[in-house]
Protein backbone atom coordinates (compact mmCIF):
# COMPACT_ATOMS: atom_id res chain seq x y z
CA MET A 1 -0.64 -25.19 3.11
CA GLY A 2 -0.98 -28.39 1.11
CA ASP A 3 -0.19 -32.08 0.81
CA VAL A 4 3.47 -32.81 1.61
CA ASN A 5 3.01 -36.59 1.28
CA ILE A 6 4.93 -37.24 4.52
CA HIS A 7 3.49 -39.31 7.37
CA LEU A 8 3.72 -36.58 9.98
CA ASP A 9 1.75 -38.76 12.39
CA ASN A 10 4.85 -40.97 12.67
CA PRO A 11 7.43 -38.91 14.61
CA THR A 12 10.17 -41.52 14.05
CA ASP A 13 9.91 -41.43 10.26
CA PRO A 14 13.16 -39.96 8.80
CA ALA A 15 11.21 -37.70 6.42
CA THR A 16 9.11 -36.44 9.32
CA ILE A 17 12.20 -35.73 11.40
CA GLU A 18 13.86 -33.84 8.55
CA PHE A 19 10.67 -31.91 7.78
CA THR A 20 10.19 -30.92 11.43
CA SER A 21 13.81 -29.80 11.72
CA LEU A 22 13.45 -27.69 8.58
CA LEU A 23 10.39 -25.92 10.00
CA SER A 24 12.12 -25.32 13.32
CA ALA A 25 15.17 -23.84 11.60
CA HIS A 26 12.95 -21.24 9.92
CA ASN A 27 10.85 -20.47 13.00
CA LEU A 28 7.75 -22.14 11.53
CA ILE A 29 5.16 -24.51 12.97
CA GLN A 30 2.71 -26.99 11.49
CA VAL A 31 -0.74 -26.61 13.07
CA VAL A 32 -2.64 -29.65 11.74
CA LEU A 33 -2.27 -32.43 14.31
CA SER A 34 -5.07 -34.85 13.38
CA PRO A 35 -5.23 -37.31 10.44
CA THR A 36 -6.06 -35.74 7.08
CA HIS A 37 -6.19 -38.88 4.89
CA LYS A 38 -8.62 -41.77 4.73
CA ALA A 39 -5.74 -44.12 5.64
CA ASN A 40 -5.54 -42.28 8.97
CA HIS A 41 -2.29 -40.46 8.21
CA THR A 42 -1.45 -36.76 8.55
CA LEU A 43 -0.31 -35.72 5.08
CA ASP A 44 -1.76 -32.22 4.70
CA VAL A 45 -0.23 -29.29 6.51
CA VAL A 46 -0.87 -25.66 7.34
CA ILE A 47 2.40 -23.92 8.14
CA VAL A 48 2.57 -20.54 9.89
CA LYS A 49 5.16 -18.50 11.72
CA SER A 50 5.61 -19.42 15.34
CA ASP A 51 4.32 -16.05 16.55
CA VAL A 52 0.99 -16.37 14.70
CA THR A 53 -2.02 -17.11 16.92
CA VAL A 54 -4.10 -20.04 15.67
CA ALA A 55 -7.73 -19.55 16.71
CA SER A 56 -9.03 -22.93 15.50
CA VAL A 57 -8.19 -25.93 13.33
CA ASN A 58 -11.07 -28.03 12.04
CA VAL A 59 -10.31 -31.17 10.01
CA GLN A 60 -13.36 -32.57 8.24
CA PRO A 61 -13.61 -36.31 7.43
CA PRO A 62 -12.72 -37.20 3.81
CA VAL A 63 -15.84 -37.10 1.63
CA LEU A 64 -15.16 -36.08 -1.97
CA SER A 65 -11.53 -37.23 -2.08
CA ASP A 66 -8.97 -39.20 -0.12
CA HIS A 67 -8.01 -36.06 1.80
CA SER A 68 -9.84 -34.01 4.39
CA MET A 69 -10.96 -30.45 4.06
CA ILE A 70 -9.12 -28.30 6.59
CA ASN A 71 -10.55 -25.08 8.00
CA VAL A 72 -8.05 -22.93 9.86
CA GLU A 73 -8.77 -19.63 11.54
CA LEU A 74 -5.80 -17.38 12.25
CA GLU A 75 -5.60 -14.15 14.19
CA LEU A 76 -3.56 -12.02 11.83
CA ARG A 77 -2.46 -8.50 12.55
CA SER A 78 -0.59 -6.19 10.26
CA ILE A 79 2.89 -5.58 11.59
CA GLN A 80 3.53 -2.82 9.09
CA HIS A 81 1.76 0.37 10.06
CA HIS A 82 2.04 3.32 7.75
CA PRO A 83 0.85 6.41 9.62
CA SER A 84 -0.23 9.49 7.74
CA THR A 85 0.37 13.15 8.27
CA PHE A 86 -2.26 15.76 7.49
CA CYS A 87 -1.46 19.02 5.76
CA SER A 88 -3.45 21.89 4.34
CA ARG A 89 -3.07 23.94 1.19
CA ARG A 90 -5.11 26.42 -0.78
CA SER A 91 -7.26 25.40 -3.73
CA TRP A 92 -5.56 27.45 -6.41
CA ARG A 93 -7.12 25.46 -9.24
CA THR A 94 -10.50 27.10 -8.63
CA PHE A 95 -9.06 30.55 -8.03
CA ASP A 96 -10.91 33.27 -9.97
CA TYR A 97 -8.60 36.26 -10.39
CA ASP A 98 -11.32 38.64 -11.63
CA ALA A 99 -13.63 37.89 -8.68
CA PHE A 100 -10.72 38.28 -6.28
CA GLU A 101 -9.76 41.63 -7.80
CA CYS A 102 -13.35 42.85 -7.59
CA ASP A 103 -13.61 42.02 -3.89
CA LEU A 104 -10.19 43.52 -3.21
CA ILE A 105 -11.22 46.84 -4.80
CA GLN A 106 -14.32 46.95 -2.59
CA SER A 107 -12.37 46.15 0.58
CA SER A 108 -11.41 48.71 3.22
CA LEU A 109 -7.75 48.16 2.32
CA VAL A 110 -8.35 50.00 -0.97
CA SER A 111 -11.36 52.20 -0.15
CA SER A 112 -9.91 53.60 3.09
CA THR A 113 -6.23 52.76 3.17
CA PRO A 114 -4.68 53.29 6.64
CA THR A 115 -2.06 56.01 6.85
CA ASP A 116 -0.13 54.46 9.71
CA VAL A 117 2.42 51.95 8.46
CA HIS A 118 1.65 49.41 11.22
CA ASP A 119 -2.09 49.65 10.57
CA LEU A 120 -1.41 49.34 6.84
CA PHE A 121 0.55 46.09 7.25
CA ASN A 122 -2.10 44.70 9.56
CA ALA A 123 -4.93 45.67 7.16
CA TYR A 124 -2.99 44.18 4.26
CA ASP A 125 -2.54 40.87 6.06
CA VAL A 126 -6.11 40.62 7.37
CA THR A 127 -7.74 41.66 4.10
CA LEU A 128 -5.75 39.38 1.81
CA THR A 129 -6.06 36.43 4.18
CA SER A 130 -9.83 36.81 4.48
CA LEU A 131 -10.24 37.16 0.70
CA LEU A 132 -8.06 34.12 0.03
CA ASP A 133 -10.11 32.12 2.53
CA VAL A 134 -13.10 32.85 0.29
CA HIS A 135 -11.58 32.50 -3.16
CA ALA A 136 -8.90 29.88 -2.43
CA PRO A 137 -9.90 28.18 0.81
CA ARG A 138 -7.52 25.84 2.57
CA ARG A 139 -8.28 22.15 2.24
CA ARG A 140 -6.98 19.40 4.44
CA PHE A 141 -5.36 16.42 2.73
CA ARG A 142 -3.63 13.27 3.86
CA ARG A 143 0.01 12.67 3.06
CA PRO A 144 1.10 9.05 3.55
CA THR A 145 4.48 8.39 5.15
CA ARG A 146 5.01 5.07 3.40
CA GLN A 147 8.28 5.03 1.51
CA SER A 148 8.02 4.80 -2.24
CA GLU A 149 9.41 1.75 -3.99
CA PRO A 150 12.96 2.25 -5.34
CA TRP A 151 11.74 1.79 -8.90
CA TYR A 152 8.96 4.40 -8.55
CA ASP A 153 10.30 7.34 -10.55
CA ALA A 154 9.08 10.51 -12.22
CA GLU A 155 7.52 8.56 -15.10
CA CYS A 156 5.45 6.53 -12.62
CA ARG A 157 4.34 9.67 -10.79
CA ALA A 158 3.27 11.27 -14.09
CA ALA A 159 1.26 8.17 -15.01
CA LYS A 160 -0.44 8.18 -11.63
CA ARG A 161 -1.31 11.88 -11.89
CA LEU A 162 -2.86 11.27 -15.30
CA MET A 163 -4.83 8.36 -13.90
CA ARG A 164 -6.19 10.49 -11.07
CA SER A 165 -7.15 13.29 -13.45
CA LEU A 166 -9.23 10.77 -15.42
CA GLU A 167 -10.77 9.27 -12.29
CA ARG A 168 -12.02 12.51 -10.74
CA PRO A 169 -14.88 13.15 -13.23
CA ILE A 170 -16.02 9.54 -12.82
CA TYR A 171 -16.18 9.96 -9.05
CA ARG A 172 -18.33 13.02 -9.67
CA GLN A 173 -20.78 10.78 -11.56
CA THR A 174 -19.91 12.16 -14.96
CA GLN A 175 -21.55 9.68 -17.32
CA SER A 176 -19.18 9.42 -20.26
CA ASP A 177 -18.39 6.15 -22.00
CA GLU A 178 -15.38 7.73 -23.68
CA LEU A 179 -13.99 8.92 -20.35
CA ARG A 180 -14.51 5.51 -18.75
CA ALA A 181 -12.79 3.82 -21.68
CA ALA A 182 -9.86 6.26 -21.42
CA CYS A 183 -9.65 5.58 -17.69
CA ARG A 184 -9.56 1.82 -18.20
CA LYS A 185 -6.92 2.18 -20.92
CA GLN A 186 -4.73 4.39 -18.74
CA PHE A 187 -5.08 2.01 -15.79
CA ALA A 188 -3.92 -0.91 -17.96
CA GLN A 189 -0.97 1.12 -19.25
CA GLN A 190 -0.08 2.20 -15.72
CA ARG A 191 -0.15 -1.38 -14.48
CA VAL A 192 2.16 -2.51 -17.30
CA LEU A 193 4.50 0.42 -16.61
CA PHE A 194 4.72 -0.35 -12.89
CA TYR A 195 5.35 -4.03 -13.59
CA GLN A 196 8.13 -3.26 -16.07
CA LYS A 197 9.75 -0.74 -13.73
CA ALA A 198 9.74 -3.19 -10.81
CA ARG A 199 10.95 -6.12 -12.93
CA ASN A 200 13.80 -4.15 -14.53
CA HIS A 201 14.90 -2.64 -11.22
CA TRP A 202 15.09 -5.92 -9.32
CA SER A 203 16.54 -7.85 -12.26
CA ASP A 204 19.39 -5.34 -12.49
CA ALA A 205 19.82 -5.26 -8.71
CA ILE A 206 20.09 -9.05 -8.42
CA ALA A 207 22.30 -9.38 -11.51
CA SER A 208 24.73 -6.81 -10.08
CA CYS A 209 25.49 -8.94 -7.02
CA LEU A 210 25.45 -12.50 -8.36
CA HIS A 211 29.07 -12.96 -7.24
CA ASP A 212 28.44 -11.48 -3.78
CA PRO A 213 26.27 -13.90 -1.73
CA ARG A 214 25.86 -11.47 1.14
CA ALA A 215 24.69 -8.63 -1.09
CA LEU A 216 22.46 -11.03 -3.03
CA CYS A 217 20.83 -12.25 0.17
CA SER A 218 20.27 -8.64 1.25
CA LYS A 219 18.61 -7.76 -2.08
CA ILE A 220 16.33 -10.79 -1.97
CA ASN A 221 15.38 -10.10 1.64
CA LYS A 222 14.51 -6.50 0.76
CA LEU A 223 12.49 -7.67 -2.23
CA CYS A 224 10.47 -10.13 -0.12
CA SER A 225 9.95 -7.81 2.86
CA PRO A 226 7.10 -5.26 3.01
CA PRO A 227 8.19 -1.61 2.98
CA SER A 228 8.49 0.13 6.31
CA ALA A 229 7.00 3.47 7.24
CA CYS A 230 9.24 6.51 7.04
CA GLN A 231 8.96 10.22 6.64
CA ILE A 232 8.73 11.45 3.07
CA GLN A 233 11.53 13.82 2.24
């Protein structure tokens, strides 16, 4: 949106004709139809894709400047949906081996071990499962199916893990100025790392196909398009 300095209210104006043709060629529409300038011309535009629903367009009379203030309400919906899968795993980080061993010794599997081999296997499975449910319970977690960026490598994953390890105590209301400072420092370093990774990846990708217009167009289109949902391998 902005001031294009073309009299769009005059459909026979050559600049208007060329501007309208350009929008049509790219499947775009201009939604401001009333004058936006004190000279009664339509100079300011709001351009959207043709499939976007425009709820309202309100052009206020010029007050503080020569141009009107334009309020536009659009009904936008995200076309990229990234569903999530839910998995479960045991909390091994809090596992206490000594407490587990103590409970195992007091269990019927050890105190009265079955003599029948089938009963023994069944007792083994039931006892260990029940003890693990106490000492290392399963927790449900969400696994996103959004595809990672091509530049997101092991170094980025390590930086993100470190960032999360610093964030967890803060979420638990651990009041530590040193921890908060370390968290802010790591976040800044992570942001710089991600920016450098993305810049280097796309710079190399575009430079590699400068003499191939089709490949170059494909790279730029991929760069400008939001990632699609896919299953994580």
